[in-house]
PDB file of N, CA and C in Angstrom:
ATOM      1  N   MET A   1      20.790 157.319 223.757  1.00  0.00           N
ATOM      2  CA  MET A   1      19.802 156.293 223.930  1.00  0.00           C
ATOM      3  C   MET A   1      18.416 156.899 223.698  1.00  0.00           C
ATOM      4  N   ASP A   2      17.630 156.268 222.855  1.00  0.00           N
ATOM      5  CA  ASP A   2      16.311 156.754 222.509  1.00  0.00           C
ATOM      6  C   ASP A   2      15.260 156.050 223.359  1.00  0.00           C
ATOM      7  N   LEU A   3      14.564 156.814 224.176  1.00  0.00           N
ATOM      8  CA  LEU A   3      13.537 156.254 225.058  1.00  0.00           C
ATOM      9  C   LEU A   3      12.127 156.607 224.602  1.00  0.00           C
ATOM     10  N   SER A   4      11.979 156.948 223.322  1.00  0.00           N
ATOM     11  CA  SER A   4      10.662 157.355 222.833  1.00  0.00           C
ATOM     12  C   SER A   4       9.659 156.207 222.812  1.00  0.00           C
ATOM     13  N   PHE A   5      10.127 154.971 222.851  1.00  0.00           N
ATOM     14  CA  PHE A   5       9.214 153.829 222.868  1.00  0.00           C
ATOM     15  C   PHE A   5       8.370 153.790 224.141  1.00  0.00           C
ATOM     16  N   ILE A   6       8.813 154.459 225.183  1.00  0.00           N
ATOM     17  CA  ILE A   6       8.069 154.468 226.446  1.00  0.00           C
ATOM     18  C   ILE A   6       6.714 155.152 226.274  1.00  0.00           C
ATOM     19  N   THR A   7       6.624 156.107 225.362  1.00  0.00           N
ATOM     20  CA  THR A   7       5.351 156.808 225.157  1.00  0.00           C
ATOM     21  C   THR A   7       4.269 155.871 224.641  1.00  0.00           C
ATOM     22  N   ASN A   8       4.646 154.745 224.059  1.00  0.00           N
ATOM     23  CA  ASN A   8       3.647 153.774 223.604  1.00  0.00           C
ATOM     24  C   ASN A   8       2.937 153.107 224.773  1.00  0.00           C
ATOM     25  N   TYR A   9       3.548 153.090 225.928  1.00  0.00           N
ATOM     26  CA  TYR A   9       2.995 152.411 227.093  1.00  0.00           C
ATOM     27  C   TYR A   9       2.368 153.373 228.092  1.00  0.00           C
ATOM     28  N   PHE A  10       2.423 154.656 227.826  1.00  0.00           N
ATOM     29  CA  PHE A  10       1.914 155.660 228.741  1.00  0.00           C
ATOM     30  C   PHE A  10       0.397 155.787 228.584  1.00  0.00           C
ATOM     31  N   VAL A  11      -0.332 155.568 229.656  1.00  0.00           N
ATOM     32  CA  VAL A  11      -1.790 155.686 229.647  1.00  0.00           C
ATOM     33  C   VAL A  11      -2.170 156.712 230.721  1.00  0.00           C
ATOM     34  N   PRO A  12      -2.595 157.912 230.302  1.00  0.00           N
ATOM     35  CA  PRO A  12      -2.895 158.973 231.272  1.00  0.00           C
ATOM     36  C   PRO A  12      -3.970 158.603 232.294  1.00  0.00           C
ATOM     37  N   VAL A  13      -4.964 157.814 231.898  1.00  0.00           N
ATOM     38  CA  VAL A  13      -6.025 157.433 232.826  1.00  0.00           C
ATOM     39  C   VAL A  13      -5.463 156.580 233.959  1.00  0.00           C
ATOM     40  N   VAL A  14      -4.577 155.664 233.628  1.00  0.00           N
ATOM     41  CA  VAL A  14      -3.956 154.807 234.645  1.00  0.00           C
ATOM     42  C   VAL A  14      -3.096 155.649 235.573  1.00  0.00           C
ATOM     43  N   MET A  15      -2.338 156.578 234.992  1.00  0.00           N
ATOM     44  CA  MET A  15      -1.472 157.419 235.808  1.00  0.00           C
ATOM     45  C   MET A  15      -2.287 158.311 236.744  1.00  0.00           C
ATOM     46  N   ALA A  16      -3.388 158.857 236.254  1.00  0.00           N
ATOM     47  CA  ALA A  16      -4.242 159.699 237.099  1.00  0.00           C
ATOM     48  C   ALA A  16      -4.877 158.881 238.221  1.00  0.00           C
ATOM     49  N   GLY A  17      -5.301 157.678 237.923  1.00  0.00           N
ATOM     50  CA  GLY A  17      -5.868 156.816 238.959  1.00  0.00           C
ATOM     51  C   GLY A  17      -4.853 156.474 240.033  1.00  0.00           C
ATOM     52  N   CYS A  18      -3.641 156.180 239.610  1.00  0.00           N
ATOM     53  CA  CYS A  18      -2.580 155.869 240.581  1.00  0.00           C
ATOM     54  C   CYS A  18      -2.200 157.097 241.396  1.00  0.00           C
ATOM     55  N   LEU A  19      -2.189 158.257 240.746  1.00  0.00           N
ATOM     56  CA  LEU A  19      -1.868 159.496 241.452  1.00  0.00           C
ATOM     57  C   LEU A  19      -2.911 159.775 242.527  1.00  0.00           C
ATOM     58  N   ALA A  20      -4.175 159.577 242.197  1.00  0.00           N
ATOM     59  CA  ALA A  20      -5.247 159.800 243.172  1.00  0.00           C
ATOM     60  C   ALA A  20      -5.152 158.807 244.330  1.00  0.00           C
ATOM     61  N   THR A  21      -4.895 157.549 244.017  1.00  0.00           N
ATOM     62  CA  THR A  21      -4.771 156.537 245.075  1.00  0.00           C
ATOM     63  C   THR A  21      -3.593 156.836 245.986  1.00  0.00           C
ATOM     64  N   GLY A  22      -2.461 157.189 245.394  1.00  0.00           N
ATOM     65  CA  GLY A  22      -1.284 157.523 246.197  1.00  0.00           C
ATOM     66  C   GLY A  22      -1.532 158.704 247.110  1.00  0.00           C
ATOM     67  N   TYR A  23      -2.250 159.707 246.606  1.00  0.00           N
ATOM     68  CA  TYR A  23      -2.568 160.878 247.418  1.00  0.00           C
ATOM     69  C   TYR A  23      -3.478 160.506 248.580  1.00  0.00           C
ATOM     70  N   VAL A  24      -4.501 159.723 248.297  1.00  0.00           N
ATOM     71  CA  VAL A  24      -5.445 159.323 249.343  1.00  0.00           C
ATOM     72  C   VAL A  24      -4.736 158.491 250.412  1.00  0.00           C
ATOM     73  N   VAL A  25      -3.896 157.559 249.984  1.00  0.00           N
ATOM     74  CA  VAL A  25      -3.175 156.723 250.954  1.00  0.00           C
ATOM     75  C   VAL A  25      -2.254 157.584 251.810  1.00  0.00           C
ATOM     76  N   LYS A  26      -1.568 158.543 251.185  1.00  0.00           N
ATOM     77  CA  LYS A  26      -0.622 159.381 251.934  1.00  0.00           C
ATOM     78  C   LYS A  26      -1.326 160.305 252.928  1.00  0.00           C
ATOM     79  N   LYS A  27      -2.427 160.904 252.513  1.00  0.00           N
ATOM     80  CA  LYS A  27      -3.086 161.909 253.349  1.00  0.00           C
ATOM     81  C   LYS A  27      -4.088 161.346 254.346  1.00  0.00           C
ATOM     82  N   TRP A  28      -4.773 160.270 253.999  1.00  0.00           N
ATOM     83  CA  TRP A  28      -5.890 159.832 254.827  1.00  0.00           C
ATOM     84  C   TRP A  28      -5.663 158.536 255.580  1.00  0.00           C
ATOM     85  N   ILE A  29      -4.720 157.734 255.169  1.00  0.00           N
ATOM     86  CA  ILE A  29      -4.473 156.476 255.867  1.00  0.00           C
ATOM     87  C   ILE A  29      -3.140 156.609 256.595  1.00  0.00           C
ATOM     88  N   LYS A  30      -3.183 156.881 257.858  1.00  0.00           N
ATOM     89  CA  LYS A  30      -1.977 157.180 258.638  1.00  0.00           C
ATOM     90  C   LYS A  30      -1.170 155.934 258.983  1.00  0.00           C
ATOM     91  N   ASP A  31      -1.769 154.746 258.949  1.00  0.00           N
ATOM     92  CA  ASP A  31      -1.048 153.534 259.322  1.00  0.00           C
ATOM     93  C   ASP A  31      -0.109 153.027 258.239  1.00  0.00           C
ATOM     94  N   VAL A  32      -0.220 153.552 257.011  1.00  0.00           N
ATOM     95  CA  VAL A  32       0.616 153.094 255.901  1.00  0.00           C
ATOM     96  C   VAL A  32       1.882 153.941 255.859  1.00  0.00           C
ATOM     97  N   ASP A  33       3.026 153.272 255.903  1.00  0.00           N
ATOM     98  CA  ASP A  33       4.304 153.961 255.817  1.00  0.00           C
ATOM     99  C   ASP A  33       4.514 154.468 254.385  1.00  0.00           C
ATOM    100  N   ASN A  34       5.151 155.618 254.230  1.00  0.00           N
ATOM    101  CA  ASN A  34       5.364 156.220 252.916  1.00  0.00           C
ATOM    102  C   ASN A  34       6.155 155.323 251.970  1.00  0.00           C
ATOM    103  N   LYS A  35       6.982 154.452 252.504  1.00  0.00           N
ATOM    104  CA  LYS A  35       7.799 153.614 251.626  1.00  0.00           C
ATOM    105  C   LYS A  35       6.967 152.563 250.889  1.00  0.00           C
ATOM    106  N   TYR A  36       5.731 152.317 251.319  1.00  0.00           N
ATOM    107  CA  TYR A  36       4.874 151.338 250.661  1.00  0.00           C
ATOM    108  C   TYR A  36       4.016 151.941 249.552  1.00  0.00           C
ATOM    109  N   ILE A  37       3.916 153.248 249.492  1.00  0.00           N
ATOM    110  CA  ILE A  37       3.058 153.894 248.495  1.00  0.00           C
ATOM    111  C   ILE A  37       3.522 153.591 247.065  1.00  0.00           C
ATOM    112  N   PRO A  38       4.822 153.678 246.721  1.00  0.00           N
ATOM    113  CA  PRO A  38       5.213 153.301 245.351  1.00  0.00           C
ATOM    114  C   PRO A  38       4.856 151.864 245.001  1.00  0.00           C
ATOM    115  N   THR A  39       4.954 150.958 245.949  1.00  0.00           N
ATOM    116  CA  THR A  39       4.586 149.570 245.682  1.00  0.00           C
ATOM    117  C   THR A  39       3.087 149.441 245.434  1.00  0.00           C
ATOM    118  N   ILE A  40       2.295 150.172 246.193  1.00  0.00           N
ATOM    119  CA  ILE A  40       0.844 150.133 246.026  1.00  0.00           C
ATOM    120  C   ILE A  40       0.450 150.639 244.640  1.00  0.00           C
ATOM    121  N   VAL A  41       0.995 151.789 244.224  1.00  0.00           N
ATOM    122  CA  VAL A  41       0.623 152.336 242.922  1.00  0.00           C
ATOM    123  C   VAL A  41       1.248 151.537 241.776  1.00  0.00           C
ATOM    124  N   PHE A  42       2.367 150.882 242.017  1.00  0.00           N
ATOM    125  CA  PHE A  42       2.977 149.981 241.029  1.00  0.00           C
ATOM    126  C   PHE A  42       2.011 148.840 240.702  1.00  0.00           C
ATOM    127  N   ILE A  43       1.497 148.205 241.735  1.00  0.00           N
ATOM    128  CA  ILE A  43       0.570 147.083 241.550  1.00  0.00           C
ATOM    129  C   ILE A  43      -0.751 147.572 240.971  1.00  0.00           C
ATOM    130  N   GLU A  44      -1.249 148.695 241.476  1.00  0.00           N
ATOM    131  CA  GLU A  44      -2.501 149.234 240.947  1.00  0.00           C
ATOM    132  C   GLU A  44      -2.369 149.595 239.477  1.00  0.00           C
ATOM    133  N   GLY A  45      -1.245 150.201 239.097  1.00  0.00           N
ATOM    134  CA  GLY A  45      -1.028 150.564 237.701  1.00  0.00           C
ATOM    135  C   GLY A  45      -1.019 149.349 236.788  1.00  0.00           C
ATOM    136  N   ALA A  46      -0.374 148.277 237.230  1.00  0.00           N
ATOM    137  CA  ALA A  46      -0.337 147.051 236.430  1.00  0.00           C
ATOM    138  C   ALA A  46      -1.735 146.483 236.242  1.00  0.00           C
ATOM    139  N   ILE A  47      -2.525 146.464 237.301  1.00  0.00           N
ATOM    140  CA  ILE A  47      -3.885 145.919 237.223  1.00  0.00           C
ATOM    141  C   ILE A  47      -4.789 146.818 236.379  1.00  0.00           C
ATOM    142  N   LEU A  48      -4.733 148.130 236.620  1.00  0.00           N
ATOM    143  CA  LEU A  48      -5.584 149.055 235.868  1.00  0.00           C
ATOM    144  C   LEU A  48      -5.275 149.031 234.379  1.00  0.00           C
ATOM    145  N   ASN A  49      -4.006 148.948 234.032  1.00  0.00           N
ATOM    146  CA  ASN A  49      -3.645 148.948 232.621  1.00  0.00           C
ATOM    147  C   ASN A  49      -4.152 147.689 231.923  1.00  0.00           C
ATOM    148  N   CYS A  50      -4.139 146.574 232.603  1.00  0.00           N
ATOM    149  CA  CYS A  50      -4.697 145.346 232.020  1.00  0.00           C
ATOM    150  C   CYS A  50      -6.193 145.492 231.797  1.00  0.00           C
ATOM    151  N   ILE A  51      -6.876 146.183 232.703  1.00  0.00           N
ATOM    152  CA  ILE A  51      -8.315 146.406 232.551  1.00  0.00           C
ATOM    153  C   ILE A  51      -8.580 147.378 231.401  1.00  0.00           C
ATOM    154  N   VAL A  52      -7.817 148.463 231.331  1.00  0.00           N
ATOM    155  CA  VAL A  52      -8.017 149.472 230.293  1.00  0.00           C
ATOM    156  C   VAL A  52      -7.701 148.901 228.912  1.00  0.00           C
ATOM    157  N   MET A  53      -6.634 148.146 228.808  1.00  0.00           N
ATOM    158  CA  MET A  53      -6.219 147.590 227.514  1.00  0.00           C
ATOM    159  C   MET A  53      -7.014 146.344 227.115  1.00  0.00           C
ATOM    160  N   ASN A  54      -7.802 145.814 228.009  1.00  0.00           N
ATOM    161  CA  ASN A  54      -8.609 144.613 227.767  1.00  0.00           C
ATOM    162  C   ASN A  54      -7.784 143.379 227.409  1.00  0.00           C
ATOM    163  N   ASN A  55      -6.574 143.325 227.870  1.00  0.00           N
ATOM    164  CA  ASN A  55      -5.766 142.112 227.691  1.00  0.00           C
ATOM    165  C   ASN A  55      -4.684 142.063 228.761  1.00  0.00           C
ATOM    166  N   VAL A  56      -4.260 140.868 229.052  1.00  0.00           N
ATOM    167  CA  VAL A  56      -3.205 140.674 230.044  1.00  0.00           C
ATOM    168  C   VAL A  56      -1.986 140.141 229.302  1.00  0.00           C
ATOM    169  N   THR A  57      -1.054 141.044 229.063  1.00  0.00           N
ATOM    170  CA  THR A  57       0.222 140.672 228.457  1.00  0.00           C
ATOM    171  C   THR A  57       1.329 141.261 229.308  1.00  0.00           C
ATOM    172  N   VAL A  58       2.519 140.811 229.053  1.00  0.00           N
ATOM    173  CA  VAL A  58       3.662 141.352 229.791  1.00  0.00           C
ATOM    174  C   VAL A  58       3.809 142.840 229.508  1.00  0.00           C
ATOM    175  N   GLU A  59       3.578 143.241 228.282  1.00  0.00           N
ATOM    176  CA  GLU A  59       3.689 144.656 227.920  1.00  0.00           C
ATOM    177  C   GLU A  59       2.670 145.516 228.653  1.00  0.00           C
ATOM    178  N   SER A  60       1.438 145.038 228.770  1.00  0.00           N
ATOM    179  CA  SER A  60       0.420 145.840 229.459  1.00  0.00           C
ATOM    180  C   SER A  60       0.698 145.899 230.958  1.00  0.00           C
ATOM    181  N   ILE A  61       1.225 144.824 231.523  1.00  0.00           N
ATOM    182  CA  ILE A  61       1.561 144.823 232.954  1.00  0.00           C
ATOM    183  C   ILE A  61       2.713 145.783 233.230  1.00  0.00           C
ATOM    184  N   VAL A  62       3.766 145.695 232.429  1.00  0.00           N
ATOM    185  CA  VAL A  62       4.928 146.562 232.633  1.00  0.00           C
ATOM    186  C   VAL A  62       4.567 148.022 232.354  1.00  0.00           C
ATOM    187  N   GLY A  63       3.789 148.278 231.308  1.00  0.00           N
ATOM    188  CA  GLY A  63       3.375 149.648 231.012  1.00  0.00           C
ATOM    189  C   GLY A  63       2.566 150.258 232.133  1.00  0.00           C
ATOM    190  N   GLY A  64       1.667 149.485 232.700  1.00  0.00           N
ATOM    191  CA  GLY A  64       0.878 149.986 233.823  1.00  0.00           C
ATOM    192  C   GLY A  64       1.705 150.216 235.064  1.00  0.00           C
ATOM    193  N   ALA A  65       2.650 149.320 235.297  1.00  0.00           N
ATOM    194  CA  ALA A  65       3.530 149.490 236.453  1.00  0.00           C
ATOM    195  C   ALA A  65       4.375 150.749 236.309  1.00  0.00           C
ATOM    196  N   ILE A  66       4.833 151.027 235.093  1.00  0.00           N
ATOM    197  CA  ILE A  66       5.611 152.244 234.849  1.00  0.00           C
ATOM    198  C   ILE A  66       4.746 153.481 235.068  1.00  0.00           C
ATOM    199  N   CYS A  67       3.501 153.429 234.612  1.00  0.00           N
ATOM    200  CA  CYS A  67       2.580 154.555 234.852  1.00  0.00           C
ATOM    201  C   CYS A  67       2.356 154.764 236.352  1.00  0.00           C
ATOM    202  N   GLY A  68       2.245 153.680 237.094  1.00  0.00           N
ATOM    203  CA  GLY A  68       2.077 153.796 238.542  1.00  0.00           C
ATOM    204  C   GLY A  68       3.266 154.458 239.208  1.00  0.00           C
ATOM    205  N   LEU A  69       4.463 154.043 238.821  1.00  0.00           N
ATOM    206  CA  LEU A  69       5.659 154.659 239.392  1.00  0.00           C
ATOM    207  C   LEU A  69       5.826 156.101 238.927  1.00  0.00           C
ATOM    208  N   ALA A  70       5.427 156.380 237.685  1.00  0.00           N
ATOM    209  CA  ALA A  70       5.502 157.754 237.189  1.00  0.00           C
ATOM    210  C   ALA A  70       4.561 158.667 237.970  1.00  0.00           C
ATOM    211  N   SER A  71       3.453 158.129 238.441  1.00  0.00           N
ATOM    212  CA  SER A  71       2.540 158.944 239.244  1.00  0.00           C
ATOM    213  C   SER A  71       3.194 159.361 240.560  1.00  0.00           C
ATOM    214  N   THR A  72       4.040 158.498 241.102  1.00  0.00           N
ATOM    215  CA  THR A  72       4.785 158.858 242.317  1.00  0.00           C
ATOM    216  C   THR A  72       5.739 160.011 242.034  1.00  0.00           C
ATOM    217  N   GLY A  73       6.430 159.929 240.916  1.00  0.00           N
ATOM    218  CA  GLY A  73       7.336 161.009 240.530  1.00  0.00           C
ATOM    219  C   GLY A  73       6.605 162.299 240.241  1.00  0.00           C
ATOM    220  N   LEU A  74       5.442 162.204 239.623  1.00  0.00           N
ATOM    221  CA  LEU A  74       4.633 163.389 239.344  1.00  0.00           C
ATOM    222  C   LEU A  74       4.177 164.057 240.634  1.00  0.00           C
ATOM    223  N   HIS A  75       3.778 163.260 241.606  1.00  0.00           N
ATOM    224  CA  HIS A  75       3.371 163.807 242.906  1.00  0.00           C
ATOM    225  C   HIS A  75       4.544 164.532 243.565  1.00  0.00           C
ATOM    226  N   GLN A  76       5.723 163.936 243.511  1.00  0.00           N
ATOM    227  CA  GLN A  76       6.895 164.571 244.111  1.00  0.00           C
ATOM    228  C   GLN A  76       7.253 165.871 243.404  1.00  0.00           C
ATOM    229  N   ALA A  77       7.126 165.903 242.080  1.00  0.00           N
ATOM    230  CA  ALA A  77       7.422 167.126 241.328  1.00  0.00           C
ATOM    231  C   ALA A  77       6.461 168.243 241.707  1.00  0.00           C
ATOM    232  N   PHE A  78       5.155 167.941 241.801  1.00  0.00           N
ATOM    233  CA  PHE A  78       4.186 168.946 242.210  1.00  0.00           C
ATOM    234  C   PHE A  78       4.428 169.411 243.635  1.00  0.00           C
ATOM    235  N   THR A  79       4.769 168.494 244.517  1.00  0.00           N
ATOM    236  CA  THR A  79       5.028 168.853 245.909  1.00  0.00           C
ATOM    237  C   THR A  79       6.209 169.809 246.008  1.00  0.00           C
ATOM    238  N   ARG A  80       7.269 169.498 245.303  1.00  0.00           N
ATOM    239  CA  ARG A  80       8.456 170.368 245.330  1.00  0.00           C
ATOM    240  C   ARG A  80       8.160 171.728 244.722  1.00  0.00           C
ATOM    241  N   LEU A  81       7.386 171.758 243.658  1.00  0.00           N
ATOM    242  CA  LEU A  81       7.028 173.011 243.009  1.00  0.00           C
ATOM    243  C   LEU A  81       6.206 173.886 243.949  1.00  0.00           C
ATOM    244  N   ILE A  82       5.249 173.299 244.633  1.00  0.00           N
ATOM    245  CA  ILE A  82       4.393 174.048 245.547  1.00  0.00           C
ATOM    246  C   ILE A  82       5.186 174.529 246.763  1.00  0.00           C
ATOM    247  N   GLU A  83       6.064 173.687 247.310  1.00  0.00           N
ATOM    248  CA  GLU A  83       6.854 174.069 248.484  1.00  0.00           C
ATOM    249  C   GLU A  83       7.814 175.200 248.154  1.00  0.00           C
ATOM    250  N   ASN A  84       8.382 175.216 246.977  1.00  0.00           N
ATOM    251  CA  ASN A  84       9.310 176.286 246.604  1.00  0.00           C
ATOM    252  C   ASN A  84       8.587 177.609 246.423  1.00  0.00           C
ATOM    253  N   LYS A  85       7.343 177.600 245.978  1.00  0.00           N
ATOM    254  CA  LYS A  85       6.595 178.840 245.839  1.00  0.00           C
ATOM    255  C   LYS A  85       6.231 179.426 247.184  1.00  0.00           C
ATOM    256  N   GLU A  86       5.996 178.579 248.172  1.00  0.00           N
ATOM    257  CA  GLU A  86       5.616 179.077 249.493  1.00  0.00           C
ATOM    258  C   GLU A  86       6.802 179.655 250.249  1.00  0.00           C
ATOM    259  N   ASN A  87       7.994 179.162 250.001  1.00  0.00           N
ATOM    260  CA  ASN A  87       9.182 179.628 250.748  1.00  0.00           C
ATOM    261  C   ASN A  87       9.701 180.903 250.220  1.00  0.00           C
TER     262      ASN A  87
END
């Protein structure tokens, strides 16, 4: 299965914004449960991508949502990498 079409929807600025928001919510807002962070960055990614692309289409919404969820995975990868170096 070829998933190279996903790179057409990848917007690094949206992913970085979602990564920063997810980090801030996790570290500084103690009342938010961790299970809500992917939903928050999912919605933020969809909105940011529509703003960056200057249009609201299903493709821009889904692409932004994917970038938001990818930021969650990126955060987890960095966390695991850092924890393994310390142990």
